[in-house]
PDB file of N, CA and C in Angstrom:
ATOM      1  N   UNK A   1     -39.720  -3.723 -70.632  1.00  0.00           N
ATOM      2  CA  UNK A   1     -40.612  -3.605 -71.769  1.00  0.00           C
ATOM      3  C   UNK A   1     -39.889  -4.105 -73.023  1.00  0.00           C
ATOM      4  N   UNK A   2     -40.613  -4.743 -73.880  1.00  0.00           N
ATOM      5  CA  UNK A   2     -40.072  -5.257 -75.123  1.00  0.00           C
ATOM      6  C   UNK A   2     -39.773  -4.094 -76.062  1.00  0.00           C
ATOM      7  N   UNK A   3     -38.661  -4.168 -76.750  1.00  0.00           N
ATOM      8  CA  UNK A   3     -38.286  -3.161 -77.737  1.00  0.00           C
ATOM      9  C   UNK A   3     -39.035  -3.458 -79.030  1.00  0.00           C
ATOM     10  N   UNK A   4     -40.196  -2.819 -79.206  1.00  0.00           N
ATOM     11  CA  UNK A   4     -41.056  -3.128 -80.347  1.00  0.00           C
ATOM     12  C   UNK A   4     -40.438  -2.730 -81.678  1.00  0.00           C
ATOM     13  N   UNK A   5     -39.783  -1.579 -81.738  1.00  0.00           N
ATOM     14  CA  UNK A   5     -39.202  -1.140 -83.003  1.00  0.00           C
ATOM     15  C   UNK A   5     -38.105  -2.116 -83.421  1.00  0.00           C
ATOM     16  N   UNK A   6     -37.202  -2.434 -82.513  1.00  0.00           N
ATOM     17  CA  UNK A   6     -36.134  -3.378 -82.826  1.00  0.00           C
ATOM     18  C   UNK A   6     -36.667  -4.741 -83.213  1.00  0.00           C
ATOM     19  N   UNK A   7     -37.701  -5.179 -82.533  1.00  0.00           N
ATOM     20  CA  UNK A   7     -38.313  -6.470 -82.835  1.00  0.00           C
ATOM     21  C   UNK A   7     -38.882  -6.467 -84.253  1.00  0.00           C
ATOM     22  N   UNK A   8     -39.532  -5.372 -84.645  1.00  0.00           N
ATOM     23  CA  UNK A   8     -40.094  -5.290 -85.992  1.00  0.00           C
ATOM     24  C   UNK A   8     -38.983  -5.276 -87.042  1.00  0.00           C
ATOM     25  N   UNK A   9     -37.889  -4.552 -86.764  1.00  0.00           N
ATOM     26  CA  UNK A   9     -36.773  -4.536 -87.707  1.00  0.00           C
ATOM     27  C   UNK A   9     -36.241  -5.951 -87.915  1.00  0.00           C
ATOM     28  N   UNK A  10     -36.086  -6.675 -86.816  1.00  0.00           N
ATOM     29  CA  UNK A  10     -35.581  -8.047 -86.887  1.00  0.00           C
ATOM     30  C   UNK A  10     -36.546  -8.951 -87.645  1.00  0.00           C
ATOM     31  N   UNK A  11     -37.840  -8.827 -87.373  1.00  0.00           N
ATOM     32  CA  UNK A  11     -38.836  -9.652 -88.060  1.00  0.00           C
ATOM     33  C   UNK A  11     -38.825  -9.404 -89.564  1.00  0.00           C
ATOM     34  N   UNK A  12     -38.708  -8.142 -89.956  1.00  0.00           N
ATOM     35  CA  UNK A  12     -38.655  -7.831 -91.387  1.00  0.00           C
ATOM     36  C   UNK A  12     -37.421  -8.447 -92.022  1.00  0.00           C
ATOM     37  N   UNK A  13     -36.273  -8.289 -91.380  1.00  0.00           N
ATOM     38  CA  UNK A  13     -35.022  -8.830 -91.914  1.00  0.00           C
ATOM     39  C   UNK A  13     -35.083 -10.347 -92.016  1.00  0.00           C
ATOM     40  N   UNK A  14     -35.511 -10.989 -90.931  1.00  0.00           N
ATOM     41  CA  UNK A  14     -35.579 -12.453 -90.935  1.00  0.00           C
ATOM     42  C   UNK A  14     -36.630 -12.963 -91.912  1.00  0.00           C
ATOM     43  N   UNK A  15     -37.669 -12.162 -92.138  1.00  0.00           N
ATOM     44  CA  UNK A  15     -38.730 -12.548 -93.071  1.00  0.00           C
ATOM     45  C   UNK A  15     -38.248 -12.722 -94.501  1.00  0.00           C
ATOM     46  N   UNK A  16     -37.148 -12.053 -94.837  1.00  0.00           N
ATOM     47  CA  UNK A  16     -36.586 -12.224 -96.178  1.00  0.00           C
ATOM     48  C   UNK A  16     -35.310 -13.069 -96.142  1.00  0.00           C
ATOM     49  N   UNK A  17     -35.019 -13.619 -94.963  1.00  0.00           N
ATOM     50  CA  UNK A  17     -33.887 -14.531 -94.832  1.00  0.00           C
ATOM     51  C   UNK A  17     -32.523 -13.889 -94.988  1.00  0.00           C
ATOM     52  N   UNK A  18     -32.390 -12.640 -94.558  1.00  0.00           N
ATOM     53  CA  UNK A  18     -31.122 -11.937 -94.703  1.00  0.00           C
ATOM     54  C   UNK A  18     -30.450 -11.720 -93.359  1.00  0.00           C
ATOM     55  N   UNK A  19     -29.136 -11.574 -93.402  1.00  0.00           N
ATOM     56  CA  UNK A  19     -28.339 -11.369 -92.191  1.00  0.00           C
ATOM     57  C   UNK A  19     -28.287  -9.884 -91.836  1.00  0.00           C
ATOM     58  N   UNK A  20     -27.857  -9.617 -90.603  1.00  0.00           N
ATOM     59  CA  UNK A  20     -27.638  -8.238 -90.191  1.00  0.00           C
ATOM     60  C   UNK A  20     -26.569  -7.592 -91.071  1.00  0.00           C
ATOM     61  N   UNK A  21     -25.536  -8.331 -91.411  1.00  0.00           N
ATOM     62  CA  UNK A  21     -24.462  -7.813 -92.265  1.00  0.00           C
ATOM     63  C   UNK A  21     -24.996  -7.422 -93.640  1.00  0.00           C
ATOM     64  N   UNK A  22     -25.917  -8.222 -94.182  1.00  0.00           N
ATOM     65  CA  UNK A  22     -26.508  -7.911 -95.482  1.00  0.00           C
ATOM     66  C   UNK A  22     -27.261  -6.587 -95.413  1.00  0.00           C
ATOM     67  N   UNK A  23     -28.077  -6.414 -94.374  1.00  0.00           N
ATOM     68  CA  UNK A  23     -28.855  -5.176 -94.233  1.00  0.00           C
ATOM     69  C   UNK A  23     -27.921  -3.983 -94.078  1.00  0.00           C
ATOM     70  N   UNK A  24     -26.900  -4.119 -93.264  1.00  0.00           N
ATOM     71  CA  UNK A  24     -25.941  -3.024 -93.077  1.00  0.00           C
ATOM     72  C   UNK A  24     -25.296  -2.641 -94.407  1.00  0.00           C
ATOM     73  N   UNK A  25     -24.929  -3.641 -95.196  1.00  0.00           N
ATOM     74  CA  UNK A  25     -24.314  -3.376 -96.499  1.00  0.00           C
ATOM     75  C   UNK A  25     -25.305  -2.693 -97.431  1.00  0.00           C
ATOM     76  N   UNK A  26     -26.558  -3.105 -97.404  1.00  0.00           N
ATOM     77  CA  UNK A  26     -27.581  -2.485 -98.240  1.00  0.00           C
ATOM     78  C   UNK A  26     -27.799  -1.022 -97.843  1.00  0.00           C
ATOM     79  N   UNK A  27     -27.818  -0.750 -96.547  1.00  0.00           N
ATOM     80  CA  UNK A  27     -27.975   0.629 -96.083  1.00  0.00           C
ATOM     81  C   UNK A  27     -26.767   1.445 -96.511  1.00  0.00           C
ATOM     82  N   UNK A  28     -25.580   0.879 -96.343  1.00  0.00           N
ATOM     83  CA  UNK A  28     -24.367   1.488 -96.849  1.00  0.00           C
ATOM     84  C   UNK A  28     -23.671   2.480 -95.938  1.00  0.00           C
ATOM     85  N   UNK A  29     -24.328   2.927 -94.887  1.00  0.00           N
ATOM     86  CA  UNK A  29     -23.708   3.934 -94.022  1.00  0.00           C
ATOM     87  C   UNK A  29     -23.482   3.455 -92.602  1.00  0.00           C
ATOM     88  N   UNK A  30     -23.839   2.202 -92.317  1.00  0.00           N
ATOM     89  CA  UNK A  30     -23.658   1.646 -90.976  1.00  0.00           C
ATOM     90  C   UNK A  30     -23.074   0.244 -91.077  1.00  0.00           C
ATOM     91  N   UNK A  31     -22.578  -0.249 -89.959  1.00  0.00           N
ATOM     92  CA  UNK A  31     -21.993  -1.586 -89.910  1.00  0.00           C
ATOM     93  C   UNK A  31     -22.938  -2.551 -89.187  1.00  0.00           C
ATOM     94  N   UNK A  32     -22.677  -3.835 -89.308  1.00  0.00           N
ATOM     95  CA  UNK A  32     -23.510  -4.886 -88.715  1.00  0.00           C
ATOM     96  C   UNK A  32     -23.739  -4.691 -87.222  1.00  0.00           C
ATOM     97  N   UNK A  33     -22.738  -4.283 -86.443  1.00  0.00           N
ATOM     98  CA  UNK A  33     -23.006  -4.119 -85.008  1.00  0.00           C
ATOM     99  C   UNK A  33     -24.111  -3.100 -84.704  1.00  0.00           C
ATOM    100  N   UNK A  34     -24.257  -2.100 -85.562  1.00  0.00           N
ATOM    101  CA  UNK A  34     -25.335  -1.120 -85.355  1.00  0.00           C
ATOM    102  C   UNK A  34     -26.691  -1.789 -85.532  1.00  0.00           C
ATOM    103  N   UNK A  35     -26.825  -2.649 -86.531  1.00  0.00           N
ATOM    104  CA  UNK A  35     -28.087  -3.380 -86.735  1.00  0.00           C
ATOM    105  C   UNK A  35     -28.388  -4.223 -85.505  1.00  0.00           C
ATOM    106  N   UNK A  36     -27.381  -4.904 -84.981  1.00  0.00           N
ATOM    107  CA  UNK A  36     -27.552  -5.701 -83.765  1.00  0.00           C
ATOM    108  C   UNK A  36     -28.082  -4.828 -82.620  1.00  0.00           C
ATOM    109  N   UNK A  37     -27.470  -3.661 -82.412  1.00  0.00           N
ATOM    110  CA  UNK A  37     -27.883  -2.773 -81.325  1.00  0.00           C
ATOM    111  C   UNK A  37     -29.310  -2.273 -81.519  1.00  0.00           C
ATOM    112  N   UNK A  38     -29.693  -1.946 -82.760  1.00  0.00           N
ATOM    113  CA  UNK A  38     -31.068  -1.504 -83.023  1.00  0.00           C
ATOM    114  C   UNK A  38     -32.063  -2.621 -82.725  1.00  0.00           C
ATOM    115  N   UNK A  39     -31.779  -3.818 -83.218  1.00  0.00           N
ATOM    116  CA  UNK A  39     -32.697  -4.945 -83.047  1.00  0.00           C
ATOM    117  C   UNK A  39     -32.841  -5.370 -81.590  1.00  0.00           C
ATOM    118  N   UNK A  40     -31.811  -5.146 -80.802  1.00  0.00           N
ATOM    119  CA  UNK A  40     -31.827  -5.584 -79.407  1.00  0.00           C
ATOM    120  C   UNK A  40     -32.089  -4.463 -78.410  1.00  0.00           C
ATOM    121  N   UNK A  41     -32.471  -3.293 -78.925  1.00  0.00           N
ATOM    122  CA  UNK A  41     -32.835  -2.184 -78.058  1.00  0.00           C
ATOM    123  C   UNK A  41     -31.672  -1.544 -77.326  1.00  0.00           C
ATOM    124  N   UNK A  42     -30.471  -1.758 -77.782  1.00  0.00           N
ATOM    125  CA  UNK A  42     -29.297  -1.186 -77.134  1.00  0.00           C
ATOM    126  C   UNK A  42     -28.999   0.225 -77.633  1.00  0.00           C
ATOM    127  N   UNK A  43     -29.558   0.585 -78.784  1.00  0.00           N
ATOM    128  CA  UNK A  43     -29.406   1.923 -79.356  1.00  0.00           C
ATOM    129  C   UNK A  43     -30.738   2.349 -79.955  1.00  0.00           C
ATOM    130  N   UNK A  44     -31.018   3.631 -79.874  1.00  0.00           N
ATOM    131  CA  UNK A  44     -32.196   4.159 -80.553  1.00  0.00           C
ATOM    132  C   UNK A  44     -31.958   4.109 -82.051  1.00  0.00           C
ATOM    133  N   UNK A  45     -33.026   3.840 -82.796  1.00  0.00           N
ATOM    134  CA  UNK A  45     -32.925   3.765 -84.246  1.00  0.00           C
ATOM    135  C   UNK A  45     -33.119   5.165 -84.822  1.00  0.00           C
ATOM    136  N   UNK A  46     -32.126   5.685 -85.534  1.00  0.00           N
ATOM    137  CA  UNK A  46     -32.286   7.016 -86.139  1.00  0.00           C
ATOM    138  C   UNK A  46     -33.435   7.034 -87.147  1.00  0.00           C
ATOM    139  N   UNK A  47     -34.059   8.188 -87.262  1.00  0.00           N
ATOM    140  CA  UNK A  47     -35.171   8.335 -88.188  1.00  0.00           C
ATOM    141  C   UNK A  47     -34.766   7.963 -89.613  1.00  0.00           C
ATOM    142  N   UNK A  48     -33.553   8.317 -90.015  1.00  0.00           N
ATOM    143  CA  UNK A  48     -33.097   7.995 -91.369  1.00  0.00           C
ATOM    144  C   UNK A  48     -33.068   6.485 -91.604  1.00  0.00           C
ATOM    145  N   UNK A  49     -32.733   5.718 -90.583  1.00  0.00           N
ATOM    146  CA  UNK A  49     -32.705   4.255 -90.711  1.00  0.00           C
ATOM    147  C   UNK A  49     -34.134   3.713 -90.800  1.00  0.00           C
ATOM    148  N   UNK A  50     -35.043   4.264 -89.985  1.00  0.00           N
ATOM    149  CA  UNK A  50     -36.451   3.846 -90.078  1.00  0.00           C
ATOM    150  C   UNK A  50     -37.000   4.140 -91.466  1.00  0.00           C
ATOM    151  N   UNK A  51     -36.663   5.288 -92.018  1.00  0.00           N
ATOM    152  CA  UNK A  51     -37.117   5.627 -93.372  1.00  0.00           C
ATOM    153  C   UNK A  51     -36.571   4.629 -94.384  1.00  0.00           C
ATOM    154  N   UNK A  52     -35.295   4.246 -94.215  1.00  0.00           N
ATOM    155  CA  UNK A  52     -34.706   3.274 -95.130  1.00  0.00           C
ATOM    156  C   UNK A  52     -35.459   1.943 -95.053  1.00  0.00           C
ATOM    157  N   UNK A  53     -35.696   1.447 -93.832  1.00  0.00           N
ATOM    158  CA  UNK A  53     -36.430   0.185 -93.664  1.00  0.00           C
ATOM    159  C   UNK A  53     -37.821   0.280 -94.276  1.00  0.00           C
ATOM    160  N   UNK A  54     -38.512   1.383 -94.021  1.00  0.00           N
ATOM    161  CA  UNK A  54     -39.869   1.555 -94.552  1.00  0.00           C
ATOM    162  C   UNK A  54     -39.855   1.471 -96.072  1.00  0.00           C
ATOM    163  N   UNK A  55     -38.892   2.122 -96.697  1.00  0.00           N
ATOM    164  CA  UNK A  55     -38.794   2.100 -98.154  1.00  0.00           C
ATOM    165  C   UNK A  55     -38.387   0.718 -98.651  1.00  0.00           C
ATOM    166  N   UNK A  56     -37.363   0.134 -98.061  1.00  0.00           N
ATOM    167  CA  UNK A  56     -36.829  -1.149 -98.512  1.00  0.00           C
ATOM    168  C   UNK A  56     -37.870  -2.270 -98.387  1.00  0.00           C
ATOM    169  N   UNK A  57     -38.605  -2.269 -97.270  1.00  0.00           N
ATOM    170  CA  UNK A  57     -39.579  -3.335 -97.024  1.00  0.00           C
ATOM    171  C   UNK A  57     -41.000  -2.938 -97.415  1.00  0.00           C
ATOM    172  N   UNK A  58     -41.149  -1.757 -97.988  1.00  0.00           N
ATOM    173  CA  UNK A  58     -42.441  -1.257 -98.453  1.00  0.00           C
ATOM    174  C   UNK A  58     -43.508  -1.287 -97.353  1.00  0.00           C
ATOM    175  N   UNK A  59     -43.147  -0.702 -96.221  1.00  0.00           N
ATOM    176  CA  UNK A  59     -44.080  -0.561 -95.101  1.00  0.00           C
ATOM    177  C   UNK A  59     -44.087   0.905 -94.657  1.00  0.00           C
ATOM    178  N   UNK A  60     -45.124   1.292 -93.955  1.00  0.00           N
ATOM    179  CA  UNK A  60     -45.215   2.634 -93.403  1.00  0.00           C
ATOM    180  C   UNK A  60     -44.302   2.746 -92.186  1.00  0.00           C
ATOM    181  N   UNK A  61     -43.808   3.950 -91.916  1.00  0.00           N
ATOM    182  CA  UNK A  61     -43.035   4.147 -90.684  1.00  0.00           C
ATOM    183  C   UNK A  61     -43.888   3.834 -89.467  1.00  0.00           C
ATOM    184  N   UNK A  62     -45.199   4.031 -89.564  1.00  0.00           N
ATOM    185  CA  UNK A  62     -46.093   3.712 -88.448  1.00  0.00           C
ATOM    186  C   UNK A  62     -46.083   2.227 -88.132  1.00  0.00           C
ATOM    187  N   UNK A  63     -45.708   1.417 -89.092  1.00  0.00           N
ATOM    188  CA  UNK A  63     -45.605  -0.036 -88.902  1.00  0.00           C
ATOM    189  C   UNK A  63     -44.699  -0.369 -87.709  1.00  0.00           C
ATOM    190  N   UNK A  64     -43.656   0.427 -87.523  1.00  0.00           N
ATOM    191  CA  UNK A  64     -42.711   0.168 -86.446  1.00  0.00           C
ATOM    192  C   UNK A  64     -43.251   0.589 -85.088  1.00  0.00           C
ATOM    193  N   UNK A  65     -44.178   1.491 -85.075  1.00  0.00           N
ATOM    194  CA  UNK A  65     -44.698   2.039 -83.825  1.00  0.00           C
ATOM    195  C   UNK A  65     -45.977   1.353 -83.352  1.00  0.00           C
ATOM    196  N   UNK A  66     -46.732   0.751 -84.253  1.00  0.00           N
ATOM    197  CA  UNK A  66     -48.039   0.253 -83.871  1.00  0.00           C
ATOM    198  C   UNK A  66     -48.231  -1.248 -84.036  1.00  0.00           C
ATOM    199  N   UNK A  67     -47.496  -1.893 -84.902  1.00  0.00           N
ATOM    200  CA  UNK A  67     -47.720  -3.315 -85.177  1.00  0.00           C
ATOM    201  C   UNK A  67     -47.551  -4.153 -83.909  1.00  0.00           C
ATOM    202  N   UNK A  68     -48.577  -4.928 -83.597  1.00  0.00           N
ATOM    203  CA  UNK A  68     -48.487  -5.866 -82.492  1.00  0.00           C
ATOM    204  C   UNK A  68     -48.706  -5.282 -81.118  1.00  0.00           C
ATOM    205  N   UNK A  69     -49.042  -4.011 -81.029  1.00  0.00           N
ATOM    206  CA  UNK A  69     -49.259  -3.416 -79.716  1.00  0.00           C
ATOM    207  C   UNK A  69     -50.716  -3.545 -79.308  1.00  0.00           C
ATOM    208  N   UNK A  70     -50.914  -3.819 -78.055  1.00  0.00           N
ATOM    209  CA  UNK A  70     -52.269  -3.854 -77.503  1.00  0.00           C
ATOM    210  C   UNK A  70     -52.784  -2.418 -77.395  1.00  0.00           C
ATOM    211  N   UNK A  71     -54.081  -2.259 -77.378  1.00  0.00           N
ATOM    212  CA  UNK A  71     -54.676  -0.938 -77.244  1.00  0.00           C
ATOM    213  C   UNK A  71     -54.157  -0.268 -75.978  1.00  0.00           C
ATOM    214  N   UNK A  72     -53.711   0.971 -76.146  1.00  0.00           N
ATOM    215  CA  UNK A  72     -53.238   1.732 -75.013  1.00  0.00           C
ATOM    216  C   UNK A  72     -51.790   1.498 -74.649  1.00  0.00           C
ATOM    217  N   UNK A  73     -51.146   0.523 -75.228  1.00  0.00           N
ATOM    218  CA  UNK A  73     -49.753   0.238 -74.917  1.00  0.00           C
ATOM    219  C   UNK A  73     -48.879   1.265 -75.633  1.00  0.00           C
ATOM    220  N   UNK A  74     -47.862   1.744 -74.961  1.00  0.00           N
ATOM    221  CA  UNK A  74     -46.952   2.705 -75.563  1.00  0.00           C
ATOM    222  C   UNK A  74     -45.550   2.119 -75.613  1.00  0.00           C
ATOM    223  N   UNK A  75     -44.733   2.734 -76.464  1.00  0.00           N
ATOM    224  CA  UNK A  75     -43.333   2.306 -76.558  1.00  0.00           C
ATOM    225  C   UNK A  75     -42.424   3.445 -76.205  1.00  0.00           C
TER     226      UNK A  75
END
């Protein structure tokens, strides 16, 4: 199954033309490898990180759970 949350994080980051290192520095409490793991589904994304992304990119937290999913599809 595709990692929808990680995919959305990557799309948001790439949409503003920024690197994983830039996002990690902006968050301030994690390093670039953590961003890589989140985007590639290798680690679960902590709620605090989802909240940061939602605030930084001005999207709802639900954006990560529902965007692009077919009806009835779960993550």
